[in-house]
Structure formats: structure tokens, C-alpha cells
Amino acid sequence: MIRYAWLIPLFPVVGVLVNGLLGSRVREKAGHVASLMAGLSFLAALGVSREMIMGPGGSHTVTLWTWITAGDLKVSVSFLIDPLSTIMLLVVAGV
């Protein structure tokens, strides 16, 4: 589940785009879309935290893509999942 950590920020972004772009058409359902996306984000955070607790521990890096490669320099867009970030994921997604 840690490899799907990128879903945690993606769900709220999708909710913002749906409500922002289709807000006038789905005005009565906008709250449902926002709540659903926040709930899915929290469920993904729970899955990541469960794997951190049950797994070997330590820190994990989830690389999405390499942004810049120049010689020995490699800059990647990635998420670092460690015990502190796991707690923060649960706090932020849970609130």
C-alpha cells in the first residue's frame, strides 16, 4: 500500500477539480463529492499507516518520476514515508 501513497493528495485534488469545474452543475452534490474524496484520502492514509506498523518499519521512498537528470545529479518527484510523516498523514487526512 505504501507504493500507492501518491493517491493521498490526489483524491482531494480530484475533488477540488470536480467541484470547481462542475460546481454549477453539481451544486447539490458538491458536499458529497468533497466528503467522498476526503474519506478516500483518509482510507489511503490508513492503508499506508497499517503497512508502516505491520511492515519492517524504517522509511520508504515512493518515486513518481525523475524530473531532472544531469550527470550524477538526479532530481525525482517522490514521497518519503516514515513514522513521523505517517502520523501527520493520519492527522491531516483525519481532520
C-alpha atoms as a PDB file:
ATOM      1  CA  MET A   1       0.000   0.000   0.000  1.00  0.00           C
ATOM      2  CA  ILE A   2       2.951   2.322   0.518  1.00  0.00           C
ATOM      3  CA  ARG A   3       3.544   2.413  -3.234  1.00  0.00           C
ATOM      4  CA  TYR A   4       0.075   3.992  -3.562  1.00  0.00           C
ATOM      5  CA  ALA A   5       0.909   6.907  -1.243  1.00  0.00           C
ATOM      6  CA  TRP A   6       0.519   9.254  -4.211  1.00  0.00           C
ATOM      7  CA  LEU A   7      -3.247   8.679  -4.010  1.00  0.00           C
ATOM      8  CA  ILE A   8      -3.461  10.522  -0.679  1.00  0.00           C
ATOM      9  CA  PRO A   9      -3.011  14.026  -2.163  1.00  0.00           C
ATOM     10  CA  LEU A  10      -4.610  13.033  -5.485  1.00  0.00           C
ATOM     11  CA  PHE A  11      -8.106  12.397  -4.096  1.00  0.00           C
ATOM     12  CA  PRO A  12      -8.602  15.923  -2.668  1.00  0.00           C
ATOM     13  CA  VAL A  13      -7.204  17.458  -5.868  1.00  0.00           C
ATOM     14  CA  VAL A  14      -9.743  15.496  -7.907  1.00  0.00           C
ATOM     15  CA  GLY A  15     -12.487  16.689  -5.547  1.00  0.00           C
ATOM     16  CA  VAL A  16     -11.413  20.309  -5.991  1.00  0.00           C
ATOM     17  CA  LEU A  17     -11.346  19.934  -9.771  1.00  0.00           C
ATOM     18  CA  VAL A  18     -14.761  18.269  -9.908  1.00  0.00           C
ATOM     19  CA  ASN A  19     -16.353  20.845  -7.623  1.00  0.00           C
ATOM     20  CA  GLY A  20     -14.524  23.742  -9.262  1.00  0.00           C
ATOM     21  CA  LEU A  21     -15.148  22.828 -12.864  1.00  0.00           C
ATOM     22  CA  LEU A  22     -18.604  21.315 -12.477  1.00  0.00           C
ATOM     23  CA  GLY A  23     -19.711  23.329  -9.447  1.00  0.00           C
ATOM     24  CA  SER A  24     -22.718  24.931 -11.080  1.00  0.00           C
ATOM     25  CA  ARG A  25     -23.960  21.601 -12.462  1.00  0.00           C
ATOM     26  CA  VAL A  26     -23.456  19.526  -9.333  1.00  0.00           C
ATOM     27  CA  ARG A  27     -24.203  22.207  -6.753  1.00  0.00           C
ATOM     28  CA  GLU A  28     -26.442  19.952  -4.626  1.00  0.00           C
ATOM     29  CA  LYS A  29     -23.894  17.100  -4.737  1.00  0.00           C
ATOM     30  CA  ALA A  30     -20.732  19.183  -4.189  1.00  0.00           C
ATOM     31  CA  GLY A  31     -20.610  18.361  -0.487  1.00  0.00           C
ATOM     32  CA  HIS A  32     -20.925  14.660  -1.233  1.00  0.00           C
ATOM     33  CA  VAL A  33     -18.050  14.774  -3.714  1.00  0.00           C
ATOM     34  CA  ALA A  34     -15.813  16.667  -1.264  1.00  0.00           C
ATOM     35  CA  SER A  35     -16.620  14.297   1.597  1.00  0.00           C
ATOM     36  CA  LEU A  36     -16.075  11.235  -0.584  1.00  0.00           C
ATOM     37  CA  MET A  37     -12.671  12.425  -1.758  1.00  0.00           C
ATOM     38  CA  ALA A  38     -11.568  13.339   1.785  1.00  0.00           C
ATOM     39  CA  GLY A  39     -12.751   9.925   3.009  1.00  0.00           C
ATOM     40  CA  LEU A  40     -10.871   8.107   0.255  1.00  0.00           C
ATOM     41  CA  SER A  41      -7.747  10.069   1.125  1.00  0.00           C
ATOM     42  CA  PHE A  42      -8.112   9.060   4.777  1.00  0.00           C
ATOM     43  CA  LEU A  43      -8.598   5.403   3.821  1.00  0.00           C
ATOM     44  CA  ALA A  44      -5.436   5.510   1.733  1.00  0.00           C
ATOM     45  CA  ALA A  45      -3.587   7.088   4.684  1.00  0.00           C
ATOM     46  CA  LEU A  46      -4.888   4.294   6.922  1.00  0.00           C
ATOM     47  CA  GLY A  47      -3.577   1.708   4.462  1.00  0.00           C
ATOM     48  CA  VAL A  48      -0.158   3.334   4.362  1.00  0.00           C
ATOM     49  CA  SER A  49      -0.006   3.591   8.155  1.00  0.00           C
ATOM     50  CA  ARG A  50      -1.101  -0.039   8.548  1.00  0.00           C
ATOM     51  CA  GLU A  51       1.716  -1.171   6.303  1.00  0.00           C
ATOM     52  CA  MET A  52       4.195   1.012   8.203  1.00  0.00           C
ATOM     53  CA  ILE A  53       3.079  -0.529  11.514  1.00  0.00           C
ATOM     54  CA  MET A  54       2.899  -4.132  10.318  1.00  0.00           C
ATOM     55  CA  GLY A  55       5.876  -3.956   7.965  1.00  0.00           C
ATOM     56  CA  PRO A  56       9.579  -3.782   8.635  1.00  0.00           C
ATOM     57  CA  GLY A  57       9.400  -0.091   9.593  1.00  0.00           C
ATOM     58  CA  GLY A  58      12.030   2.443   8.686  1.00  0.00           C
ATOM     59  CA  SER A  59      11.477   4.881   5.886  1.00  0.00           C
ATOM     60  CA  HIS A  60      10.269   4.281   2.350  1.00  0.00           C
ATOM     61  CA  THR A  61      10.631   6.477  -0.706  1.00  0.00           C
ATOM     62  CA  VAL A  62       7.925   6.352  -3.362  1.00  0.00           C
ATOM     63  CA  THR A  63       9.319   7.865  -6.565  1.00  0.00           C
ATOM     64  CA  LEU A  64       6.728   9.144  -9.020  1.00  0.00           C
ATOM     65  CA  TRP A  65       9.047  10.274 -11.803  1.00  0.00           C
ATOM     66  CA  THR A  66      12.515  11.637 -12.429  1.00  0.00           C
ATOM     67  CA  TRP A  67      12.365  15.356 -13.045  1.00  0.00           C
ATOM     68  CA  ILE A  68      15.973  16.226 -13.888  1.00  0.00           C
ATOM     69  CA  THR A  69      18.950  14.027 -14.684  1.00  0.00           C
ATOM     70  CA  ALA A  70      22.289  15.718 -15.284  1.00  0.00           C
ATOM     71  CA  GLY A  71      25.419  13.630 -14.869  1.00  0.00           C
ATOM     72  CA  ASP A  72      25.421  12.299 -11.310  1.00  0.00           C
ATOM     73  CA  LEU A  73      22.586  14.630 -10.265  1.00  0.00           C
ATOM     74  CA  LYS A  74      19.165  13.015 -10.226  1.00  0.00           C
ATOM     75  CA  VAL A  75      16.171  15.009  -9.001  1.00  0.00           C
ATOM     76  CA  SER A  76      12.997  12.986  -8.546  1.00  0.00           C
ATOM     77  CA  VAL A  77       9.442  13.815  -7.579  1.00  0.00           C
ATOM     78  CA  SER A  78       8.859  11.445  -4.690  1.00  0.00           C
ATOM     79  CA  PHE A  79       7.234  10.903  -1.323  1.00  0.00           C
ATOM     80  CA  LEU A  80       9.163   9.972   1.809  1.00  0.00           C
ATOM     81  CA  ILE A  81       7.080   7.825   4.132  1.00  0.00           C
ATOM     82  CA  ASP A  82       8.499   7.439   7.641  1.00  0.00           C
ATOM     83  CA  PRO A  83       6.884   7.114  11.101  1.00  0.00           C
ATOM     84  CA  LEU A  84       6.551  10.886  11.608  1.00  0.00           C
ATOM     85  CA  SER A  85       5.060  11.520   8.179  1.00  0.00           C
ATOM     86  CA  THR A  86       2.667   8.615   8.751  1.00  0.00           C
ATOM     87  CA  ILE A  87       1.342  10.269  11.908  1.00  0.00           C
ATOM     88  CA  MET A  88       0.997  13.568  10.072  1.00  0.00           C
ATOM     89  CA  LEU A  89      -0.836  11.849   7.211  1.00  0.00           C
ATOM     90  CA  LEU A  90      -3.385  10.465   9.649  1.00  0.00           C
ATOM     91  CA  VAL A  91      -3.795  13.787  11.465  1.00  0.00           C
ATOM     92  CA  VAL A  92      -4.220  15.889   8.349  1.00  0.00           C
ATOM     93  CA  ALA A  93      -6.374  13.430   6.429  1.00  0.00           C
ATOM     94  CA  GLY A  94      -8.445  12.642   9.509  1.00  0.00           C
ATOM     95  CA  VAL A  95      -9.259  16.256  10.294  1.00  0.00           C
END
